[in-house]
Amino acid sequence: MKFKINHLLSALAPLTQKKLDMGEVMILSFLQTQWASGCEIQVNDVLDKVSALSTASLNRKLKNLKKSNVLTFKALATDERVKIIEPGPKYFDYLDQLDSLVKMHEKLT
């Protein structure tokens, strides 16, 4: 099996052991890669570019992430209808939870 695919599947394996919303993980993965490259992300960017989930599912998951303070939405100064997504107060706690699941799995294997 190719190294990258094997690495991806190994990384995802521990996430299946806990009650985690993989759709949320996909959204955060997209956001993190965009933020790492210096991009400002709008809600519409997520709806357009995360194609594995329906628009309704994406909106519902974004709403849940906002409600749980993992993400924060800020209105664009020039157009308040446009929402910019930023890490919320509990964003890094969520990432730490994912990290601990992966580390726990690594210890078991």
C-alpha atoms as a PDB file:
ATOM      1  CA  MET A   1       0.000   0.000   0.000  1.00  0.00           C
ATOM      2  CA  LYS A   2       1.258   3.490  -0.770  1.00  0.00           C
ATOM      3  CA  PHE A   3       2.846   5.257   2.198  1.00  0.00           C
ATOM      4  CA  LYS A   4       0.580   8.332   2.141  1.00  0.00           C
ATOM      5  CA  ILE A   5      -2.610   6.261   2.003  1.00  0.00           C
ATOM      6  CA  ASN A   6      -1.387   3.965   4.754  1.00  0.00           C
ATOM      7  CA  HIS A   7      -0.473   7.001   6.863  1.00  0.00           C
ATOM      8  CA  LEU A   8      -3.911   8.565   6.287  1.00  0.00           C
ATOM      9  CA  LEU A   9      -5.768   5.385   7.211  1.00  0.00           C
ATOM     10  CA  SER A  10      -3.590   4.885  10.295  1.00  0.00           C
ATOM     11  CA  ALA A  11      -4.283   8.453  11.385  1.00  0.00           C
ATOM     12  CA  LEU A  12      -8.041   8.030  10.941  1.00  0.00           C
ATOM     13  CA  ALA A  13      -8.257   4.642  12.700  1.00  0.00           C
ATOM     14  CA  PRO A  14      -8.241   5.985  16.281  1.00  0.00           C
ATOM     15  CA  LEU A  15     -10.894   8.544  15.432  1.00  0.00           C
ATOM     16  CA  THR A  16     -13.336   5.722  14.725  1.00  0.00           C
ATOM     17  CA  GLN A  17     -13.005   4.466  18.314  1.00  0.00           C
ATOM     18  CA  LYS A  18     -14.722   7.470  19.896  1.00  0.00           C
ATOM     19  CA  LYS A  19     -17.976   9.243  19.223  1.00  0.00           C
ATOM     20  CA  LEU A  20     -16.617  11.887  16.884  1.00  0.00           C
ATOM     21  CA  ASP A  21     -18.306  13.632  14.005  1.00  0.00           C
ATOM     22  CA  MET A  22     -16.075  12.897  11.023  1.00  0.00           C
ATOM     23  CA  GLY A  23     -17.839  15.629   9.058  1.00  0.00           C
ATOM     24  CA  GLU A  24     -16.650  18.152  11.637  1.00  0.00           C
ATOM     25  CA  VAL A  25     -13.147  16.705  11.401  1.00  0.00           C
ATOM     26  CA  MET A  26     -13.259  17.139   7.609  1.00  0.00           C
ATOM     27  CA  ILE A  27     -14.358  20.766   7.966  1.00  0.00           C
ATOM     28  CA  LEU A  28     -11.615  21.502  10.498  1.00  0.00           C
ATOM     29  CA  SER A  29      -9.070  19.788   8.263  1.00  0.00           C
ATOM     30  CA  PHE A  30     -10.056  22.038   5.369  1.00  0.00           C
ATOM     31  CA  LEU A  31     -10.010  25.149   7.555  1.00  0.00           C
ATOM     32  CA  GLN A  32      -6.649  24.331   9.118  1.00  0.00           C
ATOM     33  CA  THR A  33      -4.945  23.835   5.768  1.00  0.00           C
ATOM     34  CA  GLN A  34      -6.383  27.100   4.459  1.00  0.00           C
ATOM     35  CA  TRP A  35      -5.414  29.058   7.583  1.00  0.00           C
ATOM     36  CA  ALA A  36      -1.906  27.572   7.464  1.00  0.00           C
ATOM     37  CA  SER A  37      -1.482  29.051   3.986  1.00  0.00           C
ATOM     38  CA  GLY A  38      -2.678  32.458   5.205  1.00  0.00           C
ATOM     39  CA  CYS A  39      -6.147  32.401   3.660  1.00  0.00           C
ATOM     40  CA  GLU A  40      -9.191  34.109   5.119  1.00  0.00           C
ATOM     41  CA  ILE A  41     -12.070  31.631   4.886  1.00  0.00           C
ATOM     42  CA  GLN A  42     -15.719  32.505   4.405  1.00  0.00           C
ATOM     43  CA  VAL A  43     -18.627  30.186   5.153  1.00  0.00           C
ATOM     44  CA  ASN A  44     -19.306  29.993   1.408  1.00  0.00           C
ATOM     45  CA  ASP A  45     -15.753  28.702   0.843  1.00  0.00           C
ATOM     46  CA  VAL A  46     -16.529  25.719   3.067  1.00  0.00           C
ATOM     47  CA  LEU A  47     -19.852  25.129   1.326  1.00  0.00           C
ATOM     48  CA  ASP A  48     -18.192  25.266  -2.095  1.00  0.00           C
ATOM     49  CA  LYS A  49     -15.004  23.302  -1.425  1.00  0.00           C
ATOM     50  CA  VAL A  50     -15.900  20.562   1.057  1.00  0.00           C
ATOM     51  CA  SER A  51     -17.693  18.385  -1.435  1.00  0.00           C
ATOM     52  CA  ALA A  52     -17.992  15.182   0.617  1.00  0.00           C
ATOM     53  CA  LEU A  53     -20.998  16.554   2.519  1.00  0.00           C
ATOM     54  CA  SER A  54     -24.227  18.198   1.435  1.00  0.00           C
ATOM     55  CA  THR A  55     -24.729  21.920   1.914  1.00  0.00           C
ATOM     56  CA  ALA A  56     -27.341  21.232   4.590  1.00  0.00           C
ATOM     57  CA  SER A  57     -24.964  18.943   6.495  1.00  0.00           C
ATOM     58  CA  LEU A  58     -22.137  21.463   6.240  1.00  0.00           C
ATOM     59  CA  ASN A  59     -24.353  24.267   7.520  1.00  0.00           C
ATOM     60  CA  ARG A  60     -25.551  22.090  10.414  1.00  0.00           C
ATOM     61  CA  LYS A  61     -21.998  21.070  11.359  1.00  0.00           C
ATOM     62  CA  LEU A  62     -20.722  24.645  11.110  1.00  0.00           C
ATOM     63  CA  LYS A  63     -23.587  25.745  13.362  1.00  0.00           C
ATOM     64  CA  ASN A  64     -22.667  23.028  15.903  1.00  0.00           C
ATOM     65  CA  LEU A  65     -18.994  24.004  15.823  1.00  0.00           C
ATOM     66  CA  LYS A  66     -19.976  27.627  16.361  1.00  0.00           C
ATOM     67  CA  LYS A  67     -22.365  26.737  19.194  1.00  0.00           C
ATOM     68  CA  SER A  68     -19.654  24.712  20.945  1.00  0.00           C
ATOM     69  CA  ASN A  69     -17.162  27.625  20.556  1.00  0.00           C
ATOM     70  CA  VAL A  70     -14.810  25.631  18.346  1.00  0.00           C
ATOM     71  CA  LEU A  71     -15.325  28.207  15.578  1.00  0.00           C
ATOM     72  CA  THR A  72     -16.184  31.878  15.575  1.00  0.00           C
ATOM     73  CA  PHE A  73     -17.942  33.676  12.730  1.00  0.00           C
ATOM     74  CA  LYS A  74     -17.223  37.350  12.169  1.00  0.00           C
ATOM     75  CA  ALA A  75     -19.079  39.575   9.744  1.00  0.00           C
ATOM     76  CA  LEU A  76     -17.027  41.171   7.005  1.00  0.00           C
ATOM     77  CA  ALA A  77     -16.722  44.911   7.649  1.00  0.00           C
ATOM     78  CA  THR A  78     -17.843  45.849   4.139  1.00  0.00           C
ATOM     79  CA  ASP A  79     -20.711  43.341   3.905  1.00  0.00           C
ATOM     80  CA  GLU A  80     -22.225  41.955   7.094  1.00  0.00           C
ATOM     81  CA  ARG A  81     -23.894  39.114   5.173  1.00  0.00           C
ATOM     82  CA  VAL A  82     -20.465  37.571   4.551  1.00  0.00           C
ATOM     83  CA  LYS A  83     -19.147  35.573   7.515  1.00  0.00           C
ATOM     84  CA  ILE A  84     -15.436  34.943   8.057  1.00  0.00           C
ATOM     85  CA  ILE A  85     -14.581  31.761   9.983  1.00  0.00           C
ATOM     86  CA  GLU A  86     -11.922  31.973  12.677  1.00  0.00           C
ATOM     87  CA  PRO A  87     -10.777  29.585  15.407  1.00  0.00           C
ATOM     88  CA  GLY A  88     -12.995  29.879  18.455  1.00  0.00           C
ATOM     89  CA  PRO A  89     -12.013  29.751  22.139  1.00  0.00           C
ATOM     90  CA  LYS A  90     -12.260  25.937  22.191  1.00  0.00           C
ATOM     91  CA  TYR A  91     -10.626  25.289  18.810  1.00  0.00           C
ATOM     92  CA  PHE A  92      -7.321  24.125  20.235  1.00  0.00           C
ATOM     93  CA  ASP A  93      -9.098  22.006  22.870  1.00  0.00           C
ATOM     94  CA  TYR A  94     -10.824  20.165  20.018  1.00  0.00           C
ATOM     95  CA  LEU A  95      -7.488  19.645  18.256  1.00  0.00           C
ATOM     96  CA  ASP A  96      -5.936  18.437  21.518  1.00  0.00           C
ATOM     97  CA  GLN A  97      -8.748  15.889  21.847  1.00  0.00           C
ATOM     98  CA  LEU A  98      -8.007  14.578  18.346  1.00  0.00           C
ATOM     99  CA  ASP A  99      -4.286  14.511  19.094  1.00  0.00           C
ATOM    100  CA  SER A 100      -4.781  12.541  22.303  1.00  0.00           C
ATOM    101  CA  LEU A 101      -6.891   9.946  20.462  1.00  0.00           C
ATOM    102  CA  VAL A 102      -4.149   9.476  17.875  1.00  0.00           C
ATOM    103  CA  LYS A 103      -1.416   9.247  20.541  1.00  0.00           C
ATOM    104  CA  MET A 104      -3.436   6.730  22.568  1.00  0.00           C
ATOM    105  CA  HIS A 105      -3.838   4.598  19.437  1.00  0.00           C
ATOM    106  CA  GLU A 106      -0.096   4.810  18.708  1.00  0.00           C
ATOM    107  CA  LYS A 107       0.688   3.476  22.178  1.00  0.00           C
ATOM    108  CA  LEU A 108      -1.623   0.498  21.633  1.00  0.00           C
ATOM    109  CA  THR A 109      -0.097  -0.480  18.300  1.00  0.00           C
END
